[in-house]
């Protein structure tokens, strides 16, 4: 699955917007398999529900993640 990403980092949190279509302010992150997406999500937060987020990204074509540091 081709993924474009916009990453905003703040001192207390991080917002990562993932999309399956190109957008002007998003950068191309790569072509990910399900396994690579799972590894990516776990690298962001080891407690994340990986299966749910992969499913949401596949169904809707976009996903916004709010990660508290």
N, C-alpha and C. Protein backbone atom coordinates (compact mmCIF):
# COMPACT_ATOMS: atom_id res chain seq x y z
N UNK A 1 0.84 -1.16 0.00
CA UNK A 1 0.00 0.00 0.00
C UNK A 1 0.90 1.24 0.00
N UNK A 2 0.68 2.12 -0.95
CA UNK A 2 1.47 3.36 -1.02
C UNK A 2 0.95 4.33 0.04
N UNK A 3 1.89 4.90 0.80
CA UNK A 3 1.52 5.76 1.92
C UNK A 3 2.22 7.11 1.80
N UNK A 4 1.44 8.17 1.99
CA UNK A 4 1.96 9.53 2.11
C UNK A 4 1.73 9.95 3.55
N UNK A 5 2.67 10.72 4.12
CA UNK A 5 2.63 11.02 5.53
C UNK A 5 2.93 12.49 5.80
N UNK A 6 2.26 13.02 6.81
CA UNK A 6 2.54 14.36 7.33
C UNK A 6 2.73 14.19 8.83
N UNK A 7 3.89 14.57 9.34
CA UNK A 7 4.26 14.34 10.74
C UNK A 7 4.45 15.69 11.44
N UNK A 8 3.70 15.92 12.50
CA UNK A 8 3.82 17.14 13.30
C UNK A 8 4.25 16.74 14.71
N UNK A 9 5.41 17.22 15.12
CA UNK A 9 5.92 16.87 16.46
C UNK A 9 5.88 18.09 17.36
N UNK A 10 5.30 17.89 18.53
CA UNK A 10 5.22 18.92 19.56
C UNK A 10 5.92 18.38 20.80
N UNK A 11 6.23 19.24 21.79
CA UNK A 11 6.90 18.74 22.99
C UNK A 11 6.11 17.65 23.73
N UNK A 12 4.78 17.74 23.74
CA UNK A 12 3.97 16.81 24.52
C UNK A 12 3.31 15.70 23.70
N UNK A 13 3.24 15.87 22.38
CA UNK A 13 2.55 14.89 21.55
C UNK A 13 3.06 14.94 20.11
N UNK A 14 2.54 14.01 19.35
CA UNK A 14 2.90 13.90 17.93
C UNK A 14 1.65 13.53 17.15
N UNK A 15 1.42 14.20 16.04
CA UNK A 15 0.29 13.89 15.18
C UNK A 15 0.84 13.42 13.83
N UNK A 16 0.44 12.22 13.46
CA UNK A 16 0.89 11.64 12.20
C UNK A 16 -0.35 11.39 11.35
N UNK A 17 -0.36 11.99 10.17
CA UNK A 17 -1.46 11.81 9.24
C UNK A 17 -0.96 10.94 8.10
N UNK A 18 -1.63 9.82 7.89
CA UNK A 18 -1.28 8.90 6.82
C UNK A 18 -2.40 8.91 5.79
N UNK A 19 -2.04 8.84 4.51
CA UNK A 19 -3.02 8.84 3.45
C UNK A 19 -2.55 7.94 2.32
N UNK A 20 -3.49 7.32 1.64
CA UNK A 20 -3.17 6.43 0.53
C UNK A 20 -3.12 7.16 -0.81
N UNK A 21 -3.38 8.46 -0.79
CA UNK A 21 -3.31 9.28 -2.00
C UNK A 21 -2.37 10.46 -1.76
N UNK A 22 -1.76 10.94 -2.81
CA UNK A 22 -0.83 12.06 -2.71
C UNK A 22 -1.56 13.34 -2.33
N UNK A 23 -0.97 14.09 -1.43
CA UNK A 23 -1.46 15.42 -1.03
C UNK A 23 -0.28 16.38 -1.06
N UNK A 24 -0.55 17.65 -1.26
CA UNK A 24 0.51 18.63 -1.47
C UNK A 24 1.45 18.77 -0.27
N UNK A 25 0.94 18.71 0.95
CA UNK A 25 1.82 18.91 2.10
C UNK A 25 2.27 17.59 2.74
N UNK A 26 1.95 16.46 2.12
CA UNK A 26 2.37 15.16 2.62
C UNK A 26 3.59 14.70 1.83
N UNK A 27 4.46 13.95 2.50
CA UNK A 27 5.62 13.40 1.80
C UNK A 27 5.43 11.89 1.61
N UNK A 28 5.96 11.37 0.53
CA UNK A 28 5.82 9.95 0.23
C UNK A 28 6.65 9.15 1.22
N UNK A 29 6.00 8.23 1.93
CA UNK A 29 6.68 7.42 2.95
C UNK A 29 7.14 6.08 2.39
N UNK A 30 6.46 5.59 1.34
CA UNK A 30 6.87 4.33 0.75
C UNK A 30 5.69 3.43 0.43
N UNK A 31 6.02 2.27 -0.12
CA UNK A 31 5.03 1.26 -0.44
C UNK A 31 5.16 0.16 0.61
N UNK A 32 4.18 0.09 1.53
CA UNK A 32 4.25 -0.79 2.69
C UNK A 32 3.40 -2.04 2.51
N UNK A 33 3.94 -3.17 2.94
CA UNK A 33 3.13 -4.38 3.07
C UNK A 33 2.44 -4.31 4.43
N UNK A 34 1.52 -5.23 4.70
CA UNK A 34 0.86 -5.25 6.01
C UNK A 34 1.86 -5.43 7.14
N UNK A 35 2.85 -6.29 6.94
CA UNK A 35 3.87 -6.53 7.95
C UNK A 35 4.70 -5.28 8.21
N UNK A 36 5.05 -4.57 7.15
CA UNK A 36 5.83 -3.33 7.31
C UNK A 36 5.00 -2.26 8.02
N UNK A 37 3.70 -2.18 7.71
CA UNK A 37 2.83 -1.23 8.41
C UNK A 37 2.76 -1.56 9.90
N UNK A 38 2.63 -2.84 10.22
CA UNK A 38 2.57 -3.26 11.62
C UNK A 38 3.85 -2.87 12.35
N UNK A 39 4.99 -3.09 11.74
CA UNK A 39 6.27 -2.71 12.35
C UNK A 39 6.36 -1.20 12.54
N UNK A 40 5.89 -0.44 11.53
CA UNK A 40 5.89 1.01 11.62
C UNK A 40 5.04 1.49 12.79
N UNK A 41 3.81 0.96 12.91
CA UNK A 41 2.93 1.35 14.00
C UNK A 41 3.52 1.01 15.36
N UNK A 42 4.12 -0.16 15.48
CA UNK A 42 4.72 -0.57 16.76
C UNK A 42 5.94 0.29 17.09
N UNK A 43 6.64 0.79 16.08
CA UNK A 43 7.78 1.68 16.35
C UNK A 43 7.31 3.03 16.89
N UNK A 44 6.08 3.41 16.57
CA UNK A 44 5.52 4.67 17.08
C UNK A 44 5.04 4.52 18.51
N UNK A 45 4.35 3.41 18.78
CA UNK A 45 3.80 3.16 20.12
C UNK A 45 3.61 1.66 20.28
N UNK A 46 4.33 1.06 21.22
CA UNK A 46 4.29 -0.39 21.38
C UNK A 46 2.94 -0.90 21.91
N UNK A 47 2.10 -0.01 22.44
CA UNK A 47 0.78 -0.41 22.98
C UNK A 47 -0.35 -0.21 21.96
N UNK A 48 -0.02 0.22 20.76
CA UNK A 48 -1.02 0.54 19.74
C UNK A 48 -1.73 -0.72 19.26
N UNK A 49 -3.02 -0.60 18.99
CA UNK A 49 -3.80 -1.69 18.41
C UNK A 49 -3.51 -1.71 16.90
N UNK A 50 -2.55 -2.51 16.52
CA UNK A 50 -2.02 -2.52 15.16
C UNK A 50 -3.06 -3.01 14.16
N UNK A 51 -3.73 -4.11 14.46
CA UNK A 51 -4.70 -4.69 13.53
C UNK A 51 -5.81 -3.70 13.22
N UNK A 52 -6.30 -3.01 14.25
CA UNK A 52 -7.37 -2.03 14.05
C UNK A 52 -6.92 -0.90 13.15
N UNK A 53 -5.71 -0.37 13.39
CA UNK A 53 -5.23 0.77 12.61
C UNK A 53 -4.91 0.39 11.17
N UNK A 54 -4.39 -0.78 10.93
CA UNK A 54 -4.15 -1.24 9.56
C UNK A 54 -5.49 -1.38 8.84
N UNK A 55 -6.48 -1.94 9.53
CA UNK A 55 -7.80 -2.08 8.94
C UNK A 55 -8.45 -0.75 8.62
N UNK A 56 -8.33 0.23 9.52
CA UNK A 56 -8.89 1.56 9.28
C UNK A 56 -8.22 2.23 8.09
N UNK A 57 -6.91 2.12 8.00
CA UNK A 57 -6.18 2.72 6.89
C UNK A 57 -6.60 2.09 5.56
N UNK A 58 -6.78 0.78 5.55
CA UNK A 58 -7.20 0.10 4.32
C UNK A 58 -8.63 0.49 3.94
N UNK A 59 -9.51 0.59 4.92
CA UNK A 59 -10.92 0.85 4.64
C UNK A 59 -11.17 2.30 4.22
N UNK A 60 -10.64 3.25 5.00
CA UNK A 60 -10.90 4.66 4.74
C UNK A 60 -9.89 5.32 3.80
N UNK A 61 -8.69 4.76 3.72
CA UNK A 61 -7.66 5.35 2.87
C UNK A 61 -6.86 6.45 3.55
N UNK A 62 -7.18 6.72 4.81
CA UNK A 62 -6.41 7.69 5.58
C UNK A 62 -6.52 7.34 7.06
N UNK A 63 -5.58 7.83 7.84
CA UNK A 63 -5.57 7.57 9.27
C UNK A 63 -4.80 8.69 9.96
N UNK A 64 -5.36 9.24 11.02
CA UNK A 64 -4.69 10.24 11.83
C UNK A 64 -4.37 9.60 13.18
N UNK A 65 -3.10 9.69 13.57
CA UNK A 65 -2.65 9.13 14.84
C UNK A 65 -2.23 10.25 15.77
N UNK A 66 -2.72 10.22 17.00
CA UNK A 66 -2.34 11.17 18.04
C UNK A 66 -1.57 10.38 19.08
N UNK A 67 -0.28 10.68 19.22
CA UNK A 67 0.59 9.92 20.10
C UNK A 67 1.10 10.84 21.20
N UNK A 68 0.81 10.48 22.46
CA UNK A 68 1.28 11.26 23.60
C UNK A 68 2.67 10.77 23.97
N UNK A 69 3.57 11.73 24.15
CA UNK A 69 4.96 11.36 24.48
C UNK A 69 5.11 11.09 25.95
